[in-house]
Amino acid sequence: MFGIVIFVTWFIDKTFLLAVVPTLFMAWGDGVTGVVRNLKYKKRTKAWEGSLAMLLVCIPIGTLMGLAGVVTGVVATLVERVEWFDDNLSIPLVSLGMLLPAVIFKINVPIP
């Protein structure tokens, strides 16, 4: 997914933020859910503690893209909770799908 997201966004945003933010949501945000899960449950399971940890990681990452990035970080955290679709695909795809219009239509409002 990382390669696809980076390849697609290369032609749209040369700052790389549009590529980096969705991949960081997946790599760091979803990664911290696994750490929390293993510390608490010692098995693979979806837990609100892991989602809260992901949210705490994704919000600061999202600030790189302004308000649109923060909102996307919250949605990426909610998407991670979906059990019937692989979050390694859904998090970057949904994040890119939300950030792409923000960049194209310049509705990216920086947080003061």
C-alpha atoms as a PDB file:
ATOM      1  CA  MET A   1       0.000   0.000   0.000  1.00  0.00           C
ATOM      2  CA  PHE A   2       2.817   2.397   0.814  1.00  0.00           C
ATOM      3  CA  GLY A   3       4.221   2.132  -2.696  1.00  0.00           C
ATOM      4  CA  ILE A   4       0.836   2.686  -4.309  1.00  0.00           C
ATOM      5  CA  VAL A   5       0.026   5.710  -2.136  1.00  0.00           C
ATOM      6  CA  ILE A   6       3.429   7.281  -2.725  1.00  0.00           C
ATOM      7  CA  PHE A   7       3.307   6.590  -6.472  1.00  0.00           C
ATOM      8  CA  VAL A   8      -0.190   8.041  -6.909  1.00  0.00           C
ATOM      9  CA  THR A   9       0.519  11.160  -4.867  1.00  0.00           C
ATOM     10  CA  TRP A  10       3.867  11.838  -6.528  1.00  0.00           C
ATOM     11  CA  PHE A  11       2.043  13.355  -9.492  1.00  0.00           C
ATOM     12  CA  ILE A  12      -0.210  15.525  -7.322  1.00  0.00           C
ATOM     13  CA  ASP A  13       1.817  16.851  -4.397  1.00  0.00           C
ATOM     14  CA  LYS A  14       5.592  17.216  -4.610  1.00  0.00           C
ATOM     15  CA  THR A  15       5.840  18.105  -0.910  1.00  0.00           C
ATOM     16  CA  PHE A  16       5.307  14.409  -0.081  1.00  0.00           C
ATOM     17  CA  LEU A  17       2.919  15.274   2.774  1.00  0.00           C
ATOM     18  CA  LEU A  18       0.006  13.751   0.904  1.00  0.00           C
ATOM     19  CA  ALA A  19       1.986  10.502   0.683  1.00  0.00           C
ATOM     20  CA  VAL A  20       3.613  10.576   4.094  1.00  0.00           C
ATOM     21  CA  VAL A  21       0.608  11.265   6.307  1.00  0.00           C
ATOM     22  CA  PRO A  22      -1.523   8.252   5.221  1.00  0.00           C
ATOM     23  CA  THR A  23       1.496   5.958   5.419  1.00  0.00           C
ATOM     24  CA  LEU A  24       2.391   7.229   8.883  1.00  0.00           C
ATOM     25  CA  PHE A  25      -1.187   6.660  10.028  1.00  0.00           C
ATOM     26  CA  MET A  26      -0.718   3.050   8.959  1.00  0.00           C
ATOM     27  CA  ALA A  27       2.857   2.495  10.097  1.00  0.00           C
ATOM     28  CA  TRP A  28       2.920   4.321  13.416  1.00  0.00           C
ATOM     29  CA  GLY A  29      -0.774   4.612  14.237  1.00  0.00           C
ATOM     30  CA  ASP A  30      -1.723   1.026  13.536  1.00  0.00           C
ATOM     31  CA  GLY A  31       1.655  -0.143  14.829  1.00  0.00           C
ATOM     32  CA  VAL A  32       0.995   1.283  18.266  1.00  0.00           C
ATOM     33  CA  THR A  33      -2.305  -0.608  18.417  1.00  0.00           C
ATOM     34  CA  GLY A  34      -0.358  -3.846  18.152  1.00  0.00           C
ATOM     35  CA  VAL A  35       2.038  -2.808  20.900  1.00  0.00           C
ATOM     36  CA  VAL A  36      -0.808  -1.897  23.256  1.00  0.00           C
ATOM     37  CA  ARG A  37      -2.706  -5.075  22.368  1.00  0.00           C
ATOM     38  CA  ASN A  38       0.298  -7.292  23.063  1.00  0.00           C
ATOM     39  CA  LEU A  39       1.082  -5.557  26.337  1.00  0.00           C
ATOM     40  CA  LYS A  40      -2.455  -5.873  27.629  1.00  0.00           C
ATOM     41  CA  TYR A  41      -3.993  -8.971  26.042  1.00  0.00           C
ATOM     42  CA  LYS A  42      -1.026 -11.030  24.778  1.00  0.00           C
ATOM     43  CA  LYS A  43      -3.118 -11.991  21.723  1.00  0.00           C
ATOM     44  CA  ARG A  44      -4.479 -10.518  18.507  1.00  0.00           C
ATOM     45  CA  THR A  45      -7.691  -8.652  19.226  1.00  0.00           C
ATOM     46  CA  LYS A  46      -9.299  -5.296  18.519  1.00  0.00           C
ATOM     47  CA  ALA A  47      -9.462  -3.224  21.671  1.00  0.00           C
ATOM     48  CA  TRP A  48     -10.435   0.352  22.465  1.00  0.00           C
ATOM     49  CA  GLU A  49      -7.159   0.853  24.314  1.00  0.00           C
ATOM     50  CA  GLY A  50      -5.253   0.259  21.083  1.00  0.00           C
ATOM     51  CA  SER A  51      -7.581   2.568  19.185  1.00  0.00           C
ATOM     52  CA  LEU A  52      -7.071   5.306  21.766  1.00  0.00           C
ATOM     53  CA  ALA A  53      -3.312   4.891  21.422  1.00  0.00           C
ATOM     54  CA  MET A  54      -3.658   5.128  17.636  1.00  0.00           C
ATOM     55  CA  LEU A  55      -5.723   8.290  17.969  1.00  0.00           C
ATOM     56  CA  LEU A  56      -3.057   9.839  20.203  1.00  0.00           C
ATOM     57  CA  VAL A  57      -0.466   9.079  17.533  1.00  0.00           C
ATOM     58  CA  CYS A  58      -2.547  10.053  14.484  1.00  0.00           C
ATOM     59  CA  ILE A  59      -3.714  13.457  15.687  1.00  0.00           C
ATOM     60  CA  PRO A  60      -0.196  14.945  15.914  1.00  0.00           C
ATOM     61  CA  ILE A  61       0.708  13.358  12.572  1.00  0.00           C
ATOM     62  CA  GLY A  62      -2.462  14.820  11.064  1.00  0.00           C
ATOM     63  CA  THR A  63      -1.499  18.330  12.130  1.00  0.00           C
ATOM     64  CA  LEU A  64       1.077  18.255   9.330  1.00  0.00           C
ATOM     65  CA  MET A  65      -1.897  18.618   6.966  1.00  0.00           C
ATOM     66  CA  GLY A  66      -3.893  21.032   9.097  1.00  0.00           C
ATOM     67  CA  LEU A  67      -7.460  20.498  10.190  1.00  0.00           C
ATOM     68  CA  ALA A  68      -8.145  18.105   7.305  1.00  0.00           C
ATOM     69  CA  GLY A  69      -5.276  15.931   8.542  1.00  0.00           C
ATOM     70  CA  VAL A  70      -6.573  15.861  12.105  1.00  0.00           C
ATOM     71  CA  VAL A  71     -10.060  14.877  10.948  1.00  0.00           C
ATOM     72  CA  THR A  72      -8.526  12.222   8.718  1.00  0.00           C
ATOM     73  CA  GLY A  73      -6.528  10.884  11.683  1.00  0.00           C
ATOM     74  CA  VAL A  74      -9.736  10.473  13.652  1.00  0.00           C
ATOM     75  CA  VAL A  75     -11.431   8.702  10.728  1.00  0.00           C
ATOM     76  CA  ALA A  76      -8.354   6.474  10.186  1.00  0.00           C
ATOM     77  CA  THR A  77      -8.637   5.424  13.828  1.00  0.00           C
ATOM     78  CA  LEU A  78     -12.298   4.533  13.345  1.00  0.00           C
ATOM     79  CA  VAL A  79     -11.474   2.620  10.155  1.00  0.00           C
ATOM     80  CA  GLU A  80      -8.891   0.595  12.081  1.00  0.00           C
ATOM     81  CA  ARG A  81     -11.709  -0.763  14.243  1.00  0.00           C
ATOM     82  CA  VAL A  82     -13.447  -2.398  11.257  1.00  0.00           C
ATOM     83  CA  GLU A  83     -12.804  -6.120  11.506  1.00  0.00           C
ATOM     84  CA  TRP A  84     -14.154  -7.346   8.155  1.00  0.00           C
ATOM     85  CA  PHE A  85     -11.634  -5.409   6.002  1.00  0.00           C
ATOM     86  CA  ASP A  86      -7.846  -5.470   6.334  1.00  0.00           C
ATOM     87  CA  ASP A  87      -6.721  -2.275   8.046  1.00  0.00           C
ATOM     88  CA  ASN A  88      -3.381  -2.412   6.212  1.00  0.00           C
ATOM     89  CA  LEU A  89      -5.370  -1.527   3.108  1.00  0.00           C
ATOM     90  CA  SER A  90      -8.233   0.504   4.520  1.00  0.00           C
ATOM     91  CA  ILE A  91      -6.261   2.999   6.617  1.00  0.00           C
ATOM     92  CA  PRO A  92      -4.027   4.310   3.790  1.00  0.00           C
ATOM     93  CA  LEU A  93      -6.827   4.187   1.202  1.00  0.00           C
ATOM     94  CA  VAL A  94      -9.397   6.014   3.335  1.00  0.00           C
ATOM     95  CA  SER A  95      -6.797   8.512   4.531  1.00  0.00           C
ATOM     96  CA  LEU A  96      -5.662   9.259   0.994  1.00  0.00           C
ATOM     97  CA  GLY A  97      -9.274   9.467  -0.149  1.00  0.00           C
ATOM     98  CA  MET A  98      -9.979  12.100   2.481  1.00  0.00           C
ATOM     99  CA  LEU A  99      -6.772  14.118   2.110  1.00  0.00           C
ATOM    100  CA  LEU A 100      -6.730  14.183  -1.681  1.00  0.00           C
ATOM    101  CA  PRO A 101      -9.778  16.467  -2.032  1.00  0.00           C
ATOM    102  CA  ALA A 102      -8.429  18.671   0.755  1.00  0.00           C
ATOM    103  CA  VAL A 103      -5.220  19.213  -1.207  1.00  0.00           C
ATOM    104  CA  ILE A 104      -6.889  19.548  -4.606  1.00  0.00           C
ATOM    105  CA  PHE A 105      -9.561  21.992  -3.455  1.00  0.00           C
ATOM    106  CA  LYS A 106      -7.246  23.741  -0.992  1.00  0.00           C
ATOM    107  CA  ILE A 107      -9.546  23.174   2.000  1.00  0.00           C
ATOM    108  CA  ASN A 108      -6.559  22.370   4.150  1.00  0.00           C
ATOM    109  CA  VAL A 109      -6.920  24.793   7.030  1.00  0.00           C
ATOM    110  CA  PRO A 110      -3.807  24.867   9.244  1.00  0.00           C
ATOM    111  CA  ILE A 111      -4.401  24.656  12.955  1.00  0.00           C
ATOM    112  CA  PRO A 112      -3.019  27.741  14.734  1.00  0.00           C
END
